[in-house]
């Protein structure tokens, strides 16, 4: 996974995405959690630490899949992987912010054990991962930490869960074509104009800017950024 990532985007979070947060929000947020927390948030911190690591690893993995797709001559599939990476990075940034406000230590996972294969297999693996997170991971984690009543965590974890459903829908459309008809599938995908936009607040990933508001966090359409696609 060495070298410079071939895809350009407008999100440089650690190295790729950075979210613009008003200074007054940072000040008030830090004051809200100054000193001992008003309630024991041990499960909340444990859940956030787990999902933060998972989102960072997903971002790294999707970036690697995008690079592999570019090497194989599939720029549109690379664009899809890149958009999923951008969404996961926004989730990770949100979780990191809450962990820091709660006074928890935040450690970046090592990318050394991230393994990618050929694009056909990467698509199948990505779809299986999203289905696992939608069906089991997020509902279980929300159940674990909800009794502690940390509303911000519940909100942003729910945003991430809804975003994963969007990822599933994007991947599901190509899952059935990753077998015998993969060549036909890729010709269709690569011959179709694509655009992906990501909400910088919640990570919602869509093919066109919403007319009224974000379908996940209800933010304004201006909160969406369109990712740039670079041809190999």
Protein backbone atom coordinates (compact mmCIF):
# COMPACT_ATOMS: atom_id res chain seq x y z
CA UNK A 1 0.00 0.00 0.00
CA UNK A 2 3.02 2.29 -0.36
CA UNK A 3 3.23 5.34 -2.53
CA UNK A 4 0.96 8.32 -3.02
CA UNK A 5 -2.75 7.63 -3.15
CA UNK A 6 -3.91 8.10 -6.76
CA UNK A 7 -7.23 9.67 -5.93
CA UNK A 8 -7.68 13.31 -5.02
CA UNK A 9 -10.35 14.50 -2.61
CA UNK A 10 -11.14 17.55 -0.57
CA UNK A 11 -10.82 15.78 2.78
CA UNK A 12 -7.34 15.62 4.36
CA UNK A 13 -8.28 13.69 7.69
CA UNK A 14 -5.15 12.65 9.35
CA UNK A 15 -3.55 12.89 6.05
CA UNK A 16 -6.97 12.71 4.33
CA UNK A 17 -9.91 14.39 6.11
CA UNK A 18 -10.19 17.40 8.33
CA UNK A 19 -13.49 18.76 9.59
CA UNK A 20 -13.97 22.48 10.14
CA UNK A 21 -15.28 22.86 13.71
CA UNK A 22 -16.09 26.33 15.09
CA UNK A 23 -13.75 27.36 17.88
CA UNK A 24 -16.65 28.15 20.22
CA UNK A 25 -17.87 24.57 19.83
CA UNK A 26 -14.48 23.21 20.80
CA UNK A 27 -14.38 25.52 23.84
CA UNK A 28 -17.88 24.72 25.03
CA UNK A 29 -17.43 21.02 24.35
CA UNK A 30 -14.26 20.88 26.43
CA UNK A 31 -15.94 22.77 29.28
CA UNK A 32 -18.95 20.44 29.20
CA UNK A 33 -16.73 17.49 30.02
CA UNK A 34 -14.19 19.24 32.26
CA UNK A 35 -13.30 17.36 35.43
CA UNK A 36 -15.07 14.16 36.37
CA UNK A 37 -17.98 13.20 34.07
CA UNK A 38 -21.42 13.49 35.66
CA UNK A 39 -22.06 9.80 35.04
CA UNK A 40 -19.88 6.71 34.56
CA UNK A 41 -19.35 6.38 30.83
CA UNK A 42 -17.19 3.25 30.87
CA UNK A 43 -19.31 1.37 28.32
CA UNK A 44 -19.63 4.47 26.15
CA UNK A 45 -15.85 4.90 26.06
CA UNK A 46 -15.35 1.20 25.37
CA UNK A 47 -17.84 1.27 22.49
CA UNK A 48 -16.40 4.47 21.03
CA UNK A 49 -12.85 3.12 21.22
CA UNK A 50 -13.93 -0.01 19.38
CA UNK A 51 -15.83 1.77 16.62
CA UNK A 52 -13.11 4.40 16.24
CA UNK A 53 -10.56 1.69 15.55
CA UNK A 54 -12.94 -0.04 13.18
CA UNK A 55 -13.64 3.13 11.19
CA UNK A 56 -9.94 4.00 10.87
CA UNK A 57 -9.16 0.48 9.69
CA UNK A 58 -12.06 0.64 7.24
CA UNK A 59 -10.77 3.93 5.86
CA UNK A 60 -7.30 2.48 5.37
CA UNK A 61 -8.72 -0.66 3.80
CA UNK A 62 -10.97 1.21 1.39
CA UNK A 63 -8.07 3.43 0.35
CA UNK A 64 -6.02 0.32 -0.38
CA UNK A 65 -8.92 -1.16 -2.37
CA UNK A 66 -9.19 2.09 -4.35
CA UNK A 67 -5.49 1.95 -5.19
CA UNK A 68 -5.83 -1.67 -6.29
CA UNK A 69 -8.80 -0.82 -8.51
CA UNK A 70 -6.82 1.97 -10.15
CA UNK A 71 -3.95 -0.43 -10.83
CA UNK A 72 -6.39 -2.83 -12.49
CA UNK A 73 -7.88 -0.06 -14.65
CA UNK A 74 -11.21 0.40 -12.83
CA UNK A 75 -11.34 4.13 -12.00
CA UNK A 76 -15.09 4.18 -11.24
CA UNK A 77 -14.80 1.28 -8.80
CA UNK A 78 -11.82 3.07 -7.27
CA UNK A 79 -14.02 6.15 -6.97
CA UNK A 80 -16.63 4.12 -5.08
CA UNK A 81 -14.03 2.78 -2.66
CA UNK A 82 -12.63 6.28 -2.21
CA UNK A 83 -16.05 7.68 -1.33
CA UNK A 84 -16.60 4.96 1.27
CA UNK A 85 -13.18 5.78 2.72
CA UNK A 86 -14.14 9.45 3.03
CA UNK A 87 -17.34 8.55 4.85
CA UNK A 88 -15.56 6.22 7.29
CA UNK A 89 -13.00 8.94 8.01
CA UNK A 90 -15.77 11.36 9.00
CA UNK A 91 -17.21 8.76 11.36
CA UNK A 92 -13.76 8.25 12.89
CA UNK A 93 -13.30 12.01 13.32
CA UNK A 94 -16.64 12.28 15.13
CA UNK A 95 -15.79 9.40 17.47
CA UNK A 96 -12.33 10.80 18.16
CA UNK A 97 -13.82 14.17 19.14
CA UNK A 98 -16.21 12.59 21.66
CA UNK A 99 -13.50 10.34 23.12
CA UNK A 100 -11.22 13.32 23.59
CA UNK A 101 -14.01 15.29 25.28
CA UNK A 102 -14.55 12.38 27.67
CA UNK A 103 -10.85 12.38 28.51
CA UNK A 104 -10.19 8.98 26.94
CA UNK A 105 -6.92 8.11 25.26
CA UNK A 106 -7.21 7.79 21.48
CA UNK A 107 -4.79 5.47 19.69
CA UNK A 108 -4.57 5.04 15.93
CA UNK A 109 -4.58 1.37 14.86
CA UNK A 110 -1.66 0.06 12.83
CA UNK A 111 -2.35 -0.32 9.10
CA UNK A 112 0.32 -2.97 8.67
CA UNK A 113 -2.06 -5.94 8.74
CA UNK A 114 -4.52 -4.51 6.20
CA UNK A 115 -4.67 -6.97 3.31
CA UNK A 116 -6.26 -6.40 -0.08
CA UNK A 117 -6.71 -8.77 -2.98
CA UNK A 118 -7.95 -8.39 -6.54
CA UNK A 119 -10.77 -5.90 -7.07
CA UNK A 120 -13.38 -8.60 -7.65
CA UNK A 121 -12.65 -10.15 -4.25
CA UNK A 122 -12.35 -6.75 -2.58
CA UNK A 123 -15.88 -5.86 -3.67
CA UNK A 124 -17.29 -9.07 -2.19
CA UNK A 125 -15.36 -8.59 1.06
CA UNK A 126 -16.51 -4.97 1.37
CA UNK A 127 -20.15 -5.90 0.89
CA UNK A 128 -19.91 -8.70 3.46
CA UNK A 129 -18.32 -6.28 5.94
CA UNK A 130 -21.06 -3.68 5.52
CA UNK A 131 -23.79 -6.30 5.93
CA UNK A 132 -22.16 -7.57 9.12
CA UNK A 133 -21.99 -4.06 10.58
CA UNK A 134 -25.60 -3.27 9.68
CA UNK A 135 -27.11 -6.52 10.90
CA UNK A 136 -25.07 -7.13 14.05
CA UNK A 137 -22.36 -4.68 15.04
CA UNK A 138 -24.13 -1.32 15.39
CA UNK A 139 -27.36 -2.61 16.99
CA UNK A 140 -25.31 -4.52 19.57
CA UNK A 141 -23.06 -1.56 20.37
CA UNK A 142 -25.97 0.85 20.69
CA UNK A 143 -27.66 -1.54 23.10
CA UNK A 144 -24.50 -1.72 25.20
CA UNK A 145 -23.95 1.98 25.73
CA UNK A 146 -27.47 3.43 25.49
CA UNK A 147 -28.25 2.94 29.24
CA UNK A 148 -25.44 5.38 30.12
CA UNK A 149 -27.37 8.11 28.35
CA UNK A 150 -24.56 9.86 26.48
CA UNK A 151 -26.77 11.44 23.84
CA UNK A 152 -23.98 12.71 21.57
CA UNK A 153 -22.54 9.22 21.25
CA UNK A 154 -25.96 7.73 20.53
CA UNK A 155 -26.54 10.36 17.86
CA UNK A 156 -23.24 9.99 16.03
CA UNK A 157 -23.21 6.21 16.31
CA UNK A 158 -26.68 6.21 14.76
CA UNK A 159 -25.42 8.50 11.98
CA UNK A 160 -22.64 6.02 11.27
CA UNK A 161 -25.09 3.12 11.27
CA UNK A 162 -27.35 4.87 8.76
CA UNK A 163 -24.33 5.70 6.58
CA UNK A 164 -23.31 2.04 6.55
CA UNK A 165 -26.76 1.24 5.17
CA UNK A 166 -26.05 3.62 2.31
CA UNK A 167 -22.71 1.89 1.75
CA UNK A 168 -24.52 -1.43 1.64
CA UNK A 169 -26.89 -0.16 -1.03
CA UNK A 170 -24.00 1.15 -3.13
CA UNK A 171 -22.14 -2.15 -2.86
CA UNK A 172 -25.18 -4.39 -3.14
CA UNK A 173 -25.82 -3.25 -6.70
CA UNK A 174 -22.54 -4.83 -7.76
CA UNK A 175 -22.34 -7.79 -5.37
CA UNK A 176 -24.11 -10.22 -7.70
CA UNK A 177 -21.73 -9.36 -10.51
CA UNK A 178 -18.51 -10.24 -8.73
CA UNK A 179 -18.55 -13.82 -9.97
CA UNK A 180 -18.73 -15.20 -13.48
CA UNK A 181 -20.00 -11.95 -15.06
CA UNK A 182 -17.46 -9.65 -13.45
CA UNK A 183 -16.09 -8.52 -16.81
CA UNK A 184 -19.52 -7.50 -18.04
CA UNK A 185 -20.20 -5.74 -14.76
CA UNK A 186 -17.01 -3.70 -14.82
CA UNK A 187 -17.59 -2.61 -18.42
CA UNK A 188 -21.02 -1.33 -17.43
CA UNK A 189 -19.72 0.46 -14.34
CA UNK A 190 -16.74 2.00 -16.06
CA UNK A 191 -18.93 3.21 -18.89
CA UNK A 192 -21.34 5.03 -16.56
CA UNK A 193 -20.70 8.60 -15.35
CA UNK A 194 -20.48 8.68 -11.55
CA UNK A 195 -20.41 11.28 -8.81
CA UNK A 196 -20.23 10.78 -5.06
CA UNK A 197 -20.90 13.37 -2.38
CA UNK A 198 -20.27 12.95 1.34
CA UNK A 199 -21.86 14.90 4.20
CA UNK A 200 -19.04 16.34 6.31
CA UNK A 201 -21.17 16.15 9.46
CA UNK A 202 -22.42 12.55 9.43
CA UNK A 203 -20.70 10.76 6.54
CA UNK A 204 -23.84 10.25 4.45
CA UNK A 205 -22.79 9.10 0.97
CA UNK A 206 -25.01 9.90 -2.01
CA UNK A 207 -24.88 10.13 -5.77
CA UNK A 208 -26.39 13.61 -5.99
CA UNK A 209 -26.79 16.54 -3.63
CA UNK A 210 -30.03 16.39 -1.60
CA UNK A 211 -32.51 19.12 -2.47
CA UNK A 212 -33.67 19.96 1.05
CA UNK A 213 -31.52 18.36 3.76
CA UNK A 214 -29.22 15.48 4.56
CA UNK A 215 -31.31 12.29 4.85
CA UNK A 216 -29.30 11.18 7.90
CA UNK A 217 -28.42 14.21 10.05
CA UNK A 218 -30.92 16.70 8.52
CA UNK A 219 -28.08 19.14 7.82
CA UNK A 220 -28.18 21.55 4.85
CA UNK A 221 -27.28 20.36 1.34
CA UNK A 222 -24.29 22.71 1.46
CA UNK A 223 -22.76 20.33 4.02
CA UNK A 224 -22.04 17.83 1.24
CA UNK A 225 -18.68 17.81 -0.53
CA UNK A 226 -18.26 16.14 -3.92
CA UNK A 227 -15.23 13.89 -4.12
CA UNK A 228 -12.80 14.33 -6.96
CA UNK A 229 -11.98 11.40 -9.22
CA UNK A 230 -8.55 11.11 -10.79
CA UNK A 231 -8.00 8.95 -13.80
CA UNK A 232 -5.03 6.53 -13.63
